[in-house]
Amino acid sequence: MLRKMKRILIVDDHAIVRRGIQNEIEEHLGNMHFGEASNVNEARTVLKADTRWDLVLLDIGLEKQSGLDLLEELDFLTSSISFLIVSHFPAQELGVRAMQLGARGYFCKTDPPEKLILAIKQVLDGKKYITENLAMALAAEVCRKTGLPHELLSRRELELLKLLAHGKSQKEAAEHMGLNIKTVSTYHVRLMQKMKLNTDVDLTRYALRHNLVLLT
């Protein structure tokens, strides 16, 4: 049993799943402080209002927005919160992307409940939870990489790169992506740093050279 009461936020669009996970945790790990959210917007609101969560159990297949969209915003929330994906999608499909975005582990809902408890304990202890299937997927991804700078970008950062290279302003890109201008500005700074580019002209040249410009 963990000595200190932990704060766990469960993000899943099914109330019965949230309750089942909570019951499982309480049975095996003792009393915890729980919070719930049914979609990305609710989770975002909870996390911005209170950053003292130790762990977020995050589903990917949520309504309107994917749980991966929330991971994309990790820098806008807090890096001190650990995220464990709890999804019905196999780890081979989305596990690599989740780990690239900062998740500490990936649990598939088809696995036994005791493995979820193991995953939670490992992540709360500051470790990562990586199954054999996820390890194989991560190894395959390393072999696949060509080492191009844009491969370091998140999905949202890459989307912004393509929009800017196509001639969109940051304001127009924000409207297209459904984000506020401050968020897009932060994405812009990050992608320029990751790709070691100095100006948007350099960005456009790179995008043209690697066929990343959006077609009309």
Protein backbone atom coordinates (compact mmCIF):
# COMPACT_ATOMS: atom_id res chain seq x y z
CA MET A 1 0.00 0.00 0.00
CA LEU A 2 1.28 3.47 -0.82
CA ARG A 3 2.04 5.46 2.34
CA LYS A 4 0.98 8.87 1.12
CA MET A 5 -2.48 9.59 -0.22
CA LYS A 6 -2.15 10.30 -3.91
CA ARG A 7 -4.33 12.46 -6.13
CA ILE A 8 -5.54 10.70 -9.27
CA LEU A 9 -7.62 12.21 -12.07
CA ILE A 10 -9.52 9.70 -14.22
CA VAL A 11 -10.36 10.93 -17.72
CA ASP A 12 -12.79 8.62 -19.53
CA ASP A 13 -16.07 9.27 -21.32
CA HIS A 14 -17.85 6.36 -19.59
CA ALA A 15 -18.92 6.93 -15.98
CA ILE A 16 -19.05 3.20 -15.27
CA VAL A 17 -15.43 2.83 -16.41
CA ARG A 18 -14.32 5.73 -14.22
CA ARG A 19 -16.08 4.19 -11.22
CA GLY A 20 -14.68 0.72 -11.96
CA ILE A 21 -11.11 2.05 -12.15
CA GLN A 22 -11.59 3.97 -8.92
CA ASN A 23 -12.93 0.89 -7.12
CA GLU A 24 -10.05 -1.22 -8.38
CA ILE A 25 -7.48 1.30 -7.17
CA GLU A 26 -9.10 1.66 -3.74
CA GLU A 27 -9.25 -2.11 -3.31
CA HIS A 28 -5.55 -2.63 -4.03
CA LEU A 29 -3.85 0.64 -3.16
CA GLY A 30 -6.05 2.03 -0.40
CA ASN A 31 -7.65 5.43 -0.04
CA MET A 32 -6.89 8.02 -2.72
CA HIS A 33 -8.19 11.44 -3.67
CA PHE A 34 -9.99 11.07 -7.01
CA GLY A 35 -11.17 13.46 -9.63
CA GLU A 36 -13.11 12.75 -12.81
CA ALA A 37 -13.47 14.20 -16.29
CA SER A 38 -15.40 12.85 -19.26
CA ASN A 39 -13.64 14.71 -22.07
CA VAL A 40 -10.61 16.85 -22.92
CA ASN A 41 -12.31 20.15 -22.13
CA GLU A 42 -13.33 19.00 -18.66
CA ALA A 43 -9.87 17.56 -17.99
CA ARG A 44 -8.21 20.77 -19.15
CA THR A 45 -10.42 22.82 -16.82
CA VAL A 46 -9.66 20.57 -13.84
CA LEU A 47 -5.92 20.55 -14.48
CA LYS A 48 -5.68 24.29 -14.92
CA ALA A 49 -7.68 24.91 -11.76
CA ASP A 50 -5.56 22.53 -9.67
CA THR A 51 -2.08 21.33 -10.64
CA ARG A 52 -1.55 19.14 -7.58
CA TRP A 53 -2.54 15.90 -9.28
CA ASP A 54 0.00 13.10 -9.04
CA LEU A 55 -1.40 11.02 -11.88
CA VAL A 56 -3.84 11.35 -14.75
CA LEU A 57 -5.34 8.13 -16.11
CA LEU A 58 -6.17 9.23 -19.64
CA ASP A 59 -8.29 7.51 -22.26
CA ILE A 60 -7.52 8.26 -25.92
CA GLY A 61 -10.87 7.56 -27.56
CA LEU A 62 -12.80 10.48 -26.08
CA GLU A 63 -15.64 12.37 -27.72
CA LYS A 64 -14.76 15.43 -29.86
CA GLN A 65 -11.06 15.38 -28.96
CA SER A 66 -8.55 12.59 -28.48
CA GLY A 67 -6.71 12.19 -25.22
CA LEU A 68 -3.57 12.71 -27.29
CA ASP A 69 -4.71 16.30 -27.85
CA LEU A 70 -4.46 16.85 -24.10
CA LEU A 71 -0.96 15.40 -24.06
CA GLU A 72 -0.07 17.86 -26.82
CA GLU A 73 -0.85 20.62 -24.31
CA LEU A 74 1.29 19.13 -21.55
CA ASP A 75 3.67 22.09 -21.54
CA PHE A 76 0.72 24.44 -21.03
CA LEU A 77 -0.37 22.53 -17.93
CA THR A 78 2.45 21.22 -15.77
CA SER A 79 5.28 18.80 -16.32
CA SER A 80 5.02 17.59 -12.72
CA ILE A 81 1.88 15.55 -13.44
CA SER A 82 2.36 12.01 -14.71
CA PHE A 83 0.08 10.65 -17.43
CA LEU A 84 -0.79 6.98 -17.86
CA ILE A 85 -2.80 6.08 -20.94
CA VAL A 86 -5.69 3.67 -20.29
CA SER A 87 -7.16 2.82 -23.69
CA HIS A 88 -8.91 0.09 -25.65
CA PHE A 89 -6.53 0.73 -28.57
CA PRO A 90 -3.58 -1.73 -28.66
CA ALA A 91 -0.24 -0.25 -27.62
CA GLN A 92 1.20 -1.01 -31.08
CA GLU A 93 -1.24 1.46 -32.64
CA LEU A 94 -0.97 4.59 -30.47
CA GLY A 95 1.45 3.74 -27.69
CA VAL A 96 4.51 5.13 -29.42
CA ARG A 97 2.84 8.46 -30.10
CA ALA A 98 1.59 8.69 -26.52
CA MET A 99 5.07 8.08 -25.15
CA GLN A 100 6.56 10.63 -27.53
CA LEU A 101 4.09 13.17 -26.16
CA GLY A 102 5.15 12.56 -22.57
CA ALA A 103 2.99 9.71 -21.26
CA ARG A 104 4.70 7.58 -18.62
CA GLY A 105 3.02 4.37 -19.70
CA TYR A 106 0.32 2.73 -21.79
CA PHE A 107 -2.24 0.26 -20.44
CA CYS A 108 -4.65 -1.55 -22.75
CA LYS A 109 -8.13 -2.09 -21.30
CA THR A 110 -8.14 -5.69 -22.52
CA ASP A 111 -5.30 -6.50 -20.09
CA PRO A 112 -6.05 -7.90 -16.59
CA PRO A 113 -6.94 -5.35 -13.86
CA GLU A 114 -3.92 -6.36 -11.79
CA LYS A 115 -1.68 -5.06 -14.57
CA LEU A 116 -3.37 -1.68 -14.31
CA ILE A 117 -2.54 -1.59 -10.60
CA LEU A 118 1.07 -2.51 -11.44
CA ALA A 119 1.19 0.27 -14.04
CA ILE A 120 -0.20 2.84 -11.60
CA LYS A 121 2.26 1.85 -8.87
CA GLN A 122 5.22 2.07 -11.25
CA VAL A 123 4.24 5.47 -12.61
CA LEU A 124 3.54 6.86 -9.11
CA ASP A 125 7.01 5.60 -8.13
CA GLY A 126 8.51 7.72 -10.91
CA LYS A 127 9.06 4.85 -13.33
CA LYS A 128 7.64 4.12 -16.77
CA TYR A 129 5.24 1.28 -17.54
CA ILE A 130 6.25 -0.31 -20.83
CA THR A 131 4.79 -3.63 -21.90
CA GLU A 132 6.55 -6.03 -24.24
CA ASN A 133 4.31 -4.98 -27.14
CA LEU A 134 5.01 -1.30 -26.53
CA ALA A 135 8.74 -1.96 -26.23
CA MET A 136 8.70 -3.67 -29.62
CA ALA A 137 6.76 -0.79 -31.15
CA LEU A 138 9.19 1.75 -29.69
CA ALA A 139 12.15 -0.21 -31.05
CA ALA A 140 10.55 -0.37 -34.50
CA GLU A 141 9.98 3.40 -34.41
CA VAL A 142 13.65 4.02 -33.64
CA CYS A 143 14.63 1.91 -36.64
CA ARG A 144 12.14 3.75 -38.85
CA LYS A 145 13.33 7.27 -38.04
CA THR A 146 15.34 8.99 -40.73
CA GLY A 147 16.61 11.70 -38.42
CA LEU A 148 14.90 14.64 -40.15
CA PRO A 149 14.22 17.62 -37.85
CA HIS A 150 10.47 17.74 -38.50
CA GLU A 151 10.16 14.20 -37.12
CA LEU A 152 10.84 15.68 -33.67
CA LEU A 153 7.65 17.74 -33.86
CA SER A 154 4.37 16.89 -32.21
CA ARG A 155 1.32 16.42 -34.42
CA ARG A 156 0.09 19.93 -33.67
CA GLU A 157 3.52 21.49 -34.25
CA LEU A 158 3.80 19.74 -37.60
CA GLU A 159 0.31 20.91 -38.54
CA LEU A 160 1.30 24.48 -37.73
CA LEU A 161 4.49 24.18 -39.75
CA LYS A 162 2.49 23.15 -42.83
CA LEU A 163 0.00 25.98 -42.38
CA LEU A 164 2.70 28.63 -41.96
CA ALA A 165 4.65 27.28 -44.92
CA HIS A 166 1.46 27.53 -46.96
CA GLY A 167 1.34 31.25 -46.19
CA LYS A 168 -1.08 31.33 -43.28
CA SER A 169 -0.50 33.87 -40.51
CA GLN A 170 -0.38 32.67 -36.92
CA LYS A 171 -3.88 34.13 -36.42
CA GLU A 172 -5.22 32.26 -39.46
CA ALA A 173 -3.47 29.08 -38.33
CA ALA A 174 -5.03 29.42 -34.88
CA GLU A 175 -8.50 29.68 -36.42
CA HIS A 176 -7.82 26.69 -38.67
CA MET A 177 -6.56 24.57 -35.77
CA GLY A 178 -9.27 25.69 -33.36
CA LEU A 179 -6.73 27.06 -30.88
CA ASN A 180 -6.10 30.46 -29.36
CA ILE A 181 -3.30 32.64 -30.71
CA LYS A 182 -1.22 32.32 -27.52
CA THR A 183 -1.13 28.54 -27.83
CA VAL A 184 -0.19 28.71 -31.51
CA SER A 185 2.54 31.23 -30.71
CA THR A 186 3.99 28.80 -28.18
CA TYR A 187 3.85 25.95 -30.72
CA HIS A 188 5.64 28.23 -33.18
CA VAL A 189 8.48 28.97 -30.76
CA ARG A 190 8.86 25.29 -29.91
CA LEU A 191 8.93 24.05 -33.51
CA MET A 192 11.49 26.69 -34.50
CA GLN A 193 13.69 25.66 -31.57
CA LYS A 194 13.37 21.94 -32.30
CA MET A 195 14.21 22.42 -35.97
CA LYS A 196 16.92 25.03 -35.29
CA LEU A 197 15.34 27.51 -37.70
CA ASN A 198 15.66 31.28 -37.38
CA THR A 199 12.89 32.71 -39.57
CA ASP A 200 9.61 31.71 -41.19
CA VAL A 201 11.40 31.98 -44.54
CA ASP A 202 13.74 29.21 -43.39
CA LEU A 203 10.68 27.26 -42.29
CA THR A 204 9.02 27.62 -45.70
CA ARG A 205 12.16 26.59 -47.53
CA TYR A 206 12.47 23.51 -45.34
CA ALA A 207 8.82 22.58 -45.88
CA LEU A 208 9.17 22.93 -49.65
CA ARG A 209 12.35 20.88 -49.67
CA HIS A 210 10.66 18.02 -47.79
CA ASN A 211 7.22 18.21 -49.48
CA LEU A 212 5.46 19.40 -46.33
CA VAL A 213 3.53 22.31 -47.83
CA LEU A 214 -0.24 21.83 -47.74
CA LEU A 215 -1.91 21.56 -51.12
CA THR A 216 -4.98 23.65 -51.90
